Amino acid sequence: MKVQNITDVDAFFKVIDSCKGTVELVTGEGDRLNLKSKLCQYVSMANIFSQGNVEIPELELVAHESEDVEKLIDFMING
């Protein structure tokens, strides 16, 4: 799933942390980073913000549990 225009990064990671299963960020090179890992969260955000972004324009995520997909969709719709 692709998520776009994340302006509240803290809220986004709270949703990720609340997910039951693994949630992975797919990089441009096709690598998958486990976003449940705080280290991976910091590395991915440092990379995005080092490019001068104030918000996260687009991410490709893979959530392994259907209820986690629903949480992420709800976050994108309702914030």
PDB file of N, CA and C in Angstrom:
ATOM      1  N   MET A   1       0.847  -1.165   0.000  1.00  0.00           N
ATOM      2  CA  MET A   1       0.000   0.000   0.000  1.00  0.00           C
ATOM      3  C   MET A   1       0.892   1.227   0.000  1.00  0.00           C
ATOM      4  N   LYS A   2       0.441   2.255  -0.688  1.00  0.00           N
ATOM      5  CA  LYS A   2       1.172   3.519  -0.701  1.00  0.00           C
ATOM      6  C   LYS A   2       0.433   4.498   0.193  1.00  0.00           C
ATOM      7  N   VAL A   3       1.195   5.175   1.036  1.00  0.00           N
ATOM      8  CA  VAL A   3       0.631   6.231   1.873  1.00  0.00           C
ATOM      9  C   VAL A   3       1.291   7.533   1.455  1.00  0.00           C
ATOM     10  N   GLN A   4       0.524   8.625   1.521  1.00  0.00           N
ATOM     11  CA  GLN A   4       1.015   9.895   1.005  1.00  0.00           C
ATOM     12  C   GLN A   4       0.752  11.030   1.972  1.00  0.00           C
ATOM     13  N   ASN A   5       1.595  12.060   1.839  1.00  0.00           N
ATOM     14  CA  ASN A   5       1.421  13.341   2.523  1.00  0.00           C
ATOM     15  C   ASN A   5       1.257  13.203   4.033  1.00  0.00           C
ATOM     16  N   ILE A   6       2.183  12.508   4.659  1.00  0.00           N
ATOM     17  CA  ILE A   6       2.157  12.361   6.116  1.00  0.00           C
ATOM     18  C   ILE A   6       2.777  13.617   6.709  1.00  0.00           C
ATOM     19  N   THR A   7       1.969  14.389   7.416  1.00  0.00           N
ATOM     20  CA  THR A   7       2.459  15.620   8.021  1.00  0.00           C
ATOM     21  C   THR A   7       2.700  15.461   9.516  1.00  0.00           C
ATOM     22  N   ASP A   8       2.025  14.530  10.167  1.00  0.00           N
ATOM     23  CA  ASP A   8       2.207  14.279  11.599  1.00  0.00           C
ATOM     24  C   ASP A   8       2.956  12.965  11.766  1.00  0.00           C
ATOM     25  N   VAL A   9       4.277  13.064  11.750  1.00  0.00           N
ATOM     26  CA  VAL A   9       5.122  11.877  11.796  1.00  0.00           C
ATOM     27  C   VAL A   9       4.966  11.139  13.118  1.00  0.00           C
ATOM     28  N   ASP A  10       4.825  11.880  14.224  1.00  0.00           N
ATOM     29  CA  ASP A  10       4.653  11.240  15.533  1.00  0.00           C
ATOM     30  C   ASP A  10       3.392  10.385  15.566  1.00  0.00           C
ATOM     31  N   ALA A  11       2.290  10.924  15.063  1.00  0.00           N
ATOM     32  CA  ALA A  11       1.039  10.162  15.027  1.00  0.00           C
ATOM     33  C   ALA A  11       1.164   8.950  14.115  1.00  0.00           C
ATOM     34  N   PHE A  12       1.871   9.123  12.999  1.00  0.00           N
ATOM     35  CA  PHE A  12       2.081   8.010  12.074  1.00  0.00           C
ATOM     36  C   PHE A  12       2.806   6.864  12.777  1.00  0.00           C
ATOM     37  N   PHE A  13       3.874   7.179  13.512  1.00  0.00           N
ATOM     38  CA  PHE A  13       4.620   6.119  14.183  1.00  0.00           C
ATOM     39  C   PHE A  13       3.864   5.543  15.373  1.00  0.00           C
ATOM     40  N   LYS A  14       2.972   6.304  15.973  1.00  0.00           N
ATOM     41  CA  LYS A  14       2.116   5.741  17.028  1.00  0.00           C
ATOM     42  C   LYS A  14       1.196   4.673  16.438  1.00  0.00           C
ATOM     43  N   VAL A  15       0.686   4.934  15.241  1.00  0.00           N
ATOM     44  CA  VAL A  15      -0.151   3.938  14.559  1.00  0.00           C
ATOM     45  C   VAL A  15       0.689   2.710  14.222  1.00  0.00           C
ATOM     46  N   ILE A  16       1.891   2.922  13.700  1.00  0.00           N
ATOM     47  CA  ILE A  16       2.784   1.798  13.380  1.00  0.00           C
ATOM     48  C   ILE A  16       3.054   0.978  14.643  1.00  0.00           C
ATOM     49  N   ASP A  17       3.377   1.662  15.746  1.00  0.00           N
ATOM     50  CA  ASP A  17       3.682   0.964  16.998  1.00  0.00           C
ATOM     51  C   ASP A  17       2.490   0.176  17.525  1.00  0.00           C
ATOM     52  N   SER A  18       1.282   0.648  17.231  1.00  0.00           N
ATOM     53  CA  SER A  18       0.089  -0.040  17.719  1.00  0.00           C
ATOM     54  C   SER A  18      -0.300  -1.250  16.860  1.00  0.00           C
ATOM     55  N   CYS A  19       0.338  -1.401  15.722  1.00  0.00           N
ATOM     56  CA  CYS A  19       0.020  -2.518  14.844  1.00  0.00           C
ATOM     57  C   CYS A  19       0.424  -3.842  15.476  1.00  0.00           C
ATOM     58  N   LYS A  20      -0.366  -4.843  15.220  1.00  0.00           N
ATOM     59  CA  LYS A  20      -0.159  -6.168  15.805  1.00  0.00           C
ATOM     60  C   LYS A  20       0.992  -6.914  15.127  1.00  0.00           C
ATOM     61  N   GLY A  21       1.048  -6.843  13.823  1.00  0.00           N
ATOM     62  CA  GLY A  21       2.060  -7.571  13.061  1.00  0.00           C
ATOM     63  C   GLY A  21       3.149  -6.659  12.541  1.00  0.00           C
ATOM     64  N   THR A  22       3.948  -7.208  11.675  1.00  0.00           N
ATOM     65  CA  THR A  22       5.052  -6.483  11.068  1.00  0.00           C
ATOM     66  C   THR A  22       4.541  -5.489  10.024  1.00  0.00           C
ATOM     67  N   VAL A  23       5.117  -4.290  10.049  1.00  0.00           N
ATOM     68  CA  VAL A  23       4.846  -3.280   9.032  1.00  0.00           C
ATOM     69  C   VAL A  23       6.204  -2.898   8.444  1.00  0.00           C
ATOM     70  N   GLU A  24       6.325  -3.053   7.140  1.00  0.00           N
ATOM     71  CA  GLU A  24       7.607  -2.820   6.488  1.00  0.00           C
ATOM     72  C   GLU A  24       7.527  -1.645   5.527  1.00  0.00           C
ATOM     73  N   LEU A  25       8.609  -0.878   5.485  1.00  0.00           N
ATOM     74  CA  LEU A  25       8.785   0.186   4.508  1.00  0.00           C
ATOM     75  C   LEU A  25       9.573  -0.399   3.355  1.00  0.00           C
ATOM     76  N   VAL A  26       9.059  -0.258   2.143  1.00  0.00           N
ATOM     77  CA  VAL A  26       9.760  -0.737   0.953  1.00  0.00           C
ATOM     78  C   VAL A  26      10.536   0.443   0.379  1.00  0.00           C
ATOM     79  N   THR A  27      11.859   0.294   0.309  1.00  0.00           N
ATOM     80  CA  THR A  27      12.706   1.376  -0.202  1.00  0.00           C
ATOM     81  C   THR A  27      12.667   1.390  -1.724  1.00  0.00           C
ATOM     82  N   GLY A  28      13.210   2.428  -2.301  1.00  0.00           N
ATOM     83  CA  GLY A  28      13.288   2.546  -3.757  1.00  0.00           C
ATOM     84  C   GLY A  28      14.089   1.428  -4.395  1.00  0.00           C
ATOM     85  N   GLU A  29      15.006   0.846  -3.618  1.00  0.00           N
ATOM     86  CA  GLU A  29      15.828  -0.257  -4.118  1.00  0.00           C
ATOM     87  C   GLU A  29      15.158  -1.619  -3.908  1.00  0.00           C
ATOM     88  N   GLY A  30      13.982  -1.618  -3.259  1.00  0.00           N
ATOM     89  CA  GLY A  30      13.260  -2.863  -3.031  1.00  0.00           C
ATOM     90  C   GLY A  30      13.561  -3.518  -1.694  1.00  0.00           C
ATOM     91  N   ASP A  31      14.421  -2.893  -0.885  1.00  0.00           N
ATOM     92  CA  ASP A  31      14.687  -3.427   0.452  1.00  0.00           C
ATOM     93  C   ASP A  31      13.473  -3.186   1.338  1.00  0.00           C
ATOM     94  N   ARG A  32      13.336  -4.008   2.360  1.00  0.00           N
ATOM     95  CA  ARG A  32      12.227  -3.843   3.301  1.00  0.00           C
ATOM     96  C   ARG A  32      12.778  -3.584   4.691  1.00  0.00           C
ATOM     97  N   LEU A  33      12.327  -2.473   5.279  1.00  0.00           N
ATOM     98  CA  LEU A  33      12.742  -2.104   6.629  1.00  0.00           C
ATOM     99  C   LEU A  33      11.565  -2.297   7.570  1.00  0.00           C
ATOM    100  N   ASN A  34      11.800  -2.973   8.681  1.00  0.00           N
ATOM    101  CA  ASN A  34      10.762  -3.223   9.669  1.00  0.00           C
ATOM    102  C   ASN A  34      10.511  -1.939  10.455  1.00  0.00           C
ATOM    103  N   LEU A  35       9.386  -1.286  10.217  1.00  0.00           N
ATOM    104  CA  LEU A  35       9.089  -0.021  10.885  1.00  0.00           C
ATOM    105  C   LEU A  35       8.691  -0.188  12.345  1.00  0.00           C
ATOM    106  N   LYS A  36       8.547  -1.418  12.810  1.00  0.00           N
ATOM    107  CA  LYS A  36       8.310  -1.633  14.233  1.00  0.00           C
ATOM    108  C   LYS A  36       9.623  -1.445  15.010  1.00  0.00           C
ATOM    109  N   SER A  37      10.734  -1.458  14.316  1.00  0.00           N
ATOM    110  CA  SER A  37      12.048  -1.233  14.906  1.00  0.00           C
ATOM    111  C   SER A  37      12.300   0.267  14.995  1.00  0.00           C
ATOM    112  N   LYS A  38      12.622   0.755  16.187  1.00  0.00           N
ATOM    113  CA  LYS A  38      12.902   2.187  16.362  1.00  0.00           C
ATOM    114  C   LYS A  38      14.114   2.604  15.538  1.00  0.00           C
ATOM    115  N   LEU A  39      15.112   1.749  15.440  1.00  0.00           N
ATOM    116  CA  LEU A  39      16.286   2.071  14.641  1.00  0.00           C
ATOM    117  C   LEU A  39      15.894   2.292  13.180  1.00  0.00           C
ATOM    118  N   CYS A  40      15.072   1.403  12.640  1.00  0.00           N
ATOM    119  CA  CYS A  40      14.628   1.556  11.251  1.00  0.00           C
ATOM    120  C   CYS A  40      13.774   2.808  11.076  1.00  0.00           C
ATOM    121  N   GLN A  41      12.981   3.146  12.093  1.00  0.00           N
ATOM    122  CA  GLN A  41      12.190   4.372  12.026  1.00  0.00           C
ATOM    123  C   GLN A  41      13.110   5.581  11.909  1.00  0.00           C
ATOM    124  N   TYR A  42      14.132   5.636  12.746  1.00  0.00           N
ATOM    125  CA  TYR A  42      15.050   6.775  12.723  1.00  0.00           C
ATOM    126  C   TYR A  42      15.824   6.844  11.414  1.00  0.00           C
ATOM    127  N   VAL A  43      16.294   5.705  10.940  1.00  0.00           N
ATOM    128  CA  VAL A  43      17.059   5.677   9.690  1.00  0.00           C
ATOM    129  C   VAL A  43      16.197   6.139   8.522  1.00  0.00           C
ATOM    130  N   SER A  44      14.972   5.619   8.442  1.00  0.00           N
ATOM    131  CA  SER A  44      14.103   5.986   7.316  1.00  0.00           C
ATOM    132  C   SER A  44      13.721   7.465   7.361  1.00  0.00           C
ATOM    133  N   MET A  45      13.441   7.988   8.554  1.00  0.00           N
ATOM    134  CA  MET A  45      13.065   9.398   8.663  1.00  0.00           C
ATOM    135  C   MET A  45      14.262  10.307   8.414  1.00  0.00           C
ATOM    136  N   ALA A  46      15.450   9.912   8.878  1.00  0.00           N
ATOM    137  CA  ALA A  46      16.643  10.717   8.615  1.00  0.00           C
ATOM    138  C   ALA A  46      16.884  10.827   7.118  1.00  0.00           C
ATOM    139  N   ASN A  47      16.672   9.741   6.410  1.00  0.00           N
ATOM    140  CA  ASN A  47      16.853   9.749   4.958  1.00  0.00           C
ATOM    141  C   ASN A  47      15.835  10.663   4.279  1.00  0.00           C
ATOM    142  N   ILE A  48      14.596  10.578   4.681  1.00  0.00           N
ATOM    143  CA  ILE A  48      13.542  11.404   4.067  1.00  0.00           C
ATOM    144  C   ILE A  48      13.773  12.879   4.362  1.00  0.00           C
ATOM    145  N   PHE A  49      14.057  13.202   5.628  1.00  0.00           N
ATOM    146  CA  PHE A  49      14.199  14.604   6.000  1.00  0.00           C
ATOM    147  C   PHE A  49      15.533  15.197   5.540  1.00  0.00           C
ATOM    148  N   SER A  50      16.527  14.373   5.273  1.00  0.00           N
ATOM    149  CA  SER A  50      17.809  14.883   4.765  1.00  0.00           C
ATOM    150  C   SER A  50      17.658  15.419   3.345  1.00  0.00           C
ATOM    151  N   GLN A  51      16.584  15.038   2.696  1.00  0.00           N
ATOM    152  CA  GLN A  51      16.318  15.512   1.339  1.00  0.00           C
ATOM    153  C   GLN A  51      15.568  16.846   1.349  1.00  0.00           C
ATOM    154  N   GLY A  52      15.401  17.438   2.536  1.00  0.00           N
ATOM    155  CA  GLY A  52      14.767  18.744   2.651  1.00  0.00           C
ATOM    156  C   GLY A  52      13.261  18.699   2.775  1.00  0.00           C
ATOM    157  N   ASN A  53      12.685  17.527   2.940  1.00  0.00           N
ATOM    158  CA  ASN A  53      11.223  17.409   3.067  1.00  0.00           C
ATOM    159  C   ASN A  53      10.773  17.836   4.455  1.00  0.00           C
ATOM    160  N   VAL A  54       9.626  18.507   4.527  1.00  0.00           N
ATOM    161  CA  VAL A  54       9.013  18.861   5.799  1.00  0.00           C
ATOM    162  C   VAL A  54       7.932  17.843   6.135  1.00  0.00           C
ATOM    163  N   GLU A  55       7.428  17.203   5.125  1.00  0.00           N
ATOM    164  CA  GLU A  55       6.441  16.145   5.306  1.00  0.00           C
ATOM    165  C   GLU A  55       6.906  14.940   4.500  1.00  0.00           C
ATOM    166  N   ILE A  56       6.273  13.817   4.740  1.00  0.00           N
ATOM    167  CA  ILE A  56       6.624  12.607   4.006  1.00  0.00           C
ATOM    168  C   ILE A  56       5.709  12.538   2.787  1.00  0.00           C
ATOM    169  N   PRO A  57       6.254  12.722   1.585  1.00  0.00           N
ATOM    170  CA  PRO A  57       5.402  12.786   0.394  1.00  0.00           C
ATOM    171  C   PRO A  57       4.756  11.459   0.048  1.00  0.00           C
ATOM    172  N   GLU A  58       5.516  10.350   0.096  1.00  0.00           N
ATOM    173  CA  GLU A  58       4.943   9.053  -0.258  1.00  0.00           C
ATOM    174  C   GLU A  58       5.832   7.941   0.269  1.00  0.00           C
ATOM    175  N   LEU A  59       5.190   6.920   0.812  1.00  0.00           N
ATOM    176  CA  LEU A  59       5.881   5.721   1.273  1.00  0.00           C
ATOM    177  C   LEU A  59       5.135   4.503   0.767  1.00  0.00           C
ATOM    178  N   GLU A  60       5.874   3.441   0.498  1.00  0.00           N
ATOM    179  CA  GLU A  60       5.235   2.170   0.200  1.00  0.00           C
ATOM    180  C   GLU A  60       5.412   1.285   1.420  1.00  0.00           C
ATOM    181  N   LEU A  61       4.292   0.821   1.960  1.00  0.00           N
ATOM    182  CA  LEU A  61       4.294  -0.005   3.153  1.00  0.00           C
ATOM    183  C   LEU A  61       3.705  -1.375   2.854  1.00  0.00           C
ATOM    184  N   VAL A  62       4.168  -2.363   3.602  1.00  0.00           N
ATOM    185  CA  VAL A  62       3.578  -3.697   3.566  1.00  0.00           C
ATOM    186  C   VAL A  62       3.197  -4.042   5.000  1.00  0.00           C
ATOM    187  N   ALA A  63       1.907  -4.214   5.249  1.00  0.00           N
ATOM    188  CA  ALA A  63       1.411  -4.644   6.556  1.00  0.00           C
ATOM    189  C   ALA A  63       0.948  -6.088   6.411  1.00  0.00           C
ATOM    190  N   HIS A  64       1.380  -6.923   7.353  1.00  0.00           N
ATOM    191  CA  HIS A  64       1.124  -8.348   7.232  1.00  0.00           C
ATOM    192  C   HIS A  64      -0.197  -8.804   7.870  1.00  0.00           C
ATOM    193  N   GLU A  65      -0.832  -7.947   8.623  1.00  0.00           N
ATOM    194  CA  GLU A  65      -2.121  -8.282   9.259  1.00  0.00           C
ATOM    195  C   GLU A  65      -3.211  -7.379   8.686  1.00  0.00           C
ATOM    196  N   SER A  66      -4.365  -7.957   8.378  1.00  0.00           N
ATOM    197  CA  SER A  66      -5.449  -7.170   7.778  1.00  0.00           C
ATOM    198  C   SER A  66      -5.929  -6.058   8.700  1.00  0.00           C
ATOM    199  N   GLU A  67      -5.929  -6.301  10.015  1.00  0.00           N
ATOM    200  CA  GLU A  67      -6.369  -5.251  10.933  1.00  0.00           C
ATOM    201  C   GLU A  67      -5.369  -4.085  10.958  1.00  0.00           C
ATOM    202  N   ASP A  68      -4.102  -4.375  10.692  1.00  0.00           N
ATOM    203  CA  ASP A  68      -3.105  -3.309  10.613  1.00  0.00           C
ATOM    204  C   ASP A  68      -3.300  -2.472   9.353  1.00  0.00           C
ATOM    205  N   VAL A  69      -3.662  -3.117   8.268  1.00  0.00           N
ATOM    206  CA  VAL A  69      -3.975  -2.387   7.029  1.00  0.00           C
ATOM    207  C   VAL A  69      -5.126  -1.429   7.296  1.00  0.00           C
ATOM    208  N   GLU A  70      -6.141  -1.899   8.004  1.00  0.00           N
ATOM    209  CA  GLU A  70      -7.291  -1.054   8.329  1.00  0.00           C
ATOM    210  C   GLU A  70      -6.875   0.139   9.182  1.00  0.00           C
ATOM    211  N   LYS A  71      -5.982  -0.079  10.159  1.00  0.00           N
ATOM    212  CA  LYS A  71      -5.495   1.022  10.997  1.00  0.00           C
ATOM    213  C   LYS A  71      -4.784   2.070  10.165  1.00  0.00           C
ATOM    214  N   LEU A  72      -3.941   1.605   9.250  1.00  0.00           N
ATOM    215  CA  LEU A  72      -3.187   2.536   8.411  1.00  0.00           C
ATOM    216  C   LEU A  72      -4.098   3.314   7.473  1.00  0.00           C
ATOM    217  N   ILE A  73      -5.078   2.640   6.909  1.00  0.00           N
ATOM    218  CA  ILE A  73      -6.040   3.317   6.035  1.00  0.00           C
ATOM    219  C   ILE A  73      -6.835   4.353   6.832  1.00  0.00           C
ATOM    220  N   ASP A  74      -7.266   3.990   8.043  1.00  0.00           N
ATOM    221  CA  ASP A  74      -7.989   4.922   8.891  1.00  0.00           C
ATOM    222  C   ASP A  74      -7.134   6.148   9.218  1.00  0.00           C
ATOM    223  N   PHE A  75      -5.848   5.913   9.498  1.00  0.00           N
ATOM    224  CA  PHE A  75      -4.946   7.054   9.763  1.00  0.00           C
ATOM    225  C   PHE A  75      -4.852   7.979   8.554  1.00  0.00           C
ATOM    226  N   MET A  76      -4.751   7.392   7.361  1.00  0.00           N
ATOM    227  CA  MET A  76      -4.622   8.219   6.165  1.00  0.00           C
ATOM    228  C   MET A  76      -5.902   8.999   5.869  1.00  0.00           C
ATOM    229  N   ILE A  77      -7.042   8.423   6.202  1.00  0.00           N
ATOM    230  CA  ILE A  77      -8.313   9.094   5.932  1.00  0.00           C
ATOM    231  C   ILE A  77      -8.634  10.135   7.016  1.00  0.00           C
ATOM    232  N   ASN A  78      -8.473   9.727   8.274  1.00  0.00           N
ATOM    233  CA  ASN A  78      -8.919  10.567   9.392  1.00  0.00           C
ATOM    234  C   ASN A  78      -7.808  11.282  10.133  1.00  0.00           C
ATOM    235  N   GLY A  79      -6.585  10.925   9.861  1.00  0.00           N
ATOM    236  CA  GLY A  79      -5.458  11.583  10.531  1.00  0.00           C
ATOM    237  C   GLY A  79      -5.199  11.125  11.926  1.00  0.00           C
TER     238      GLY A  79
END
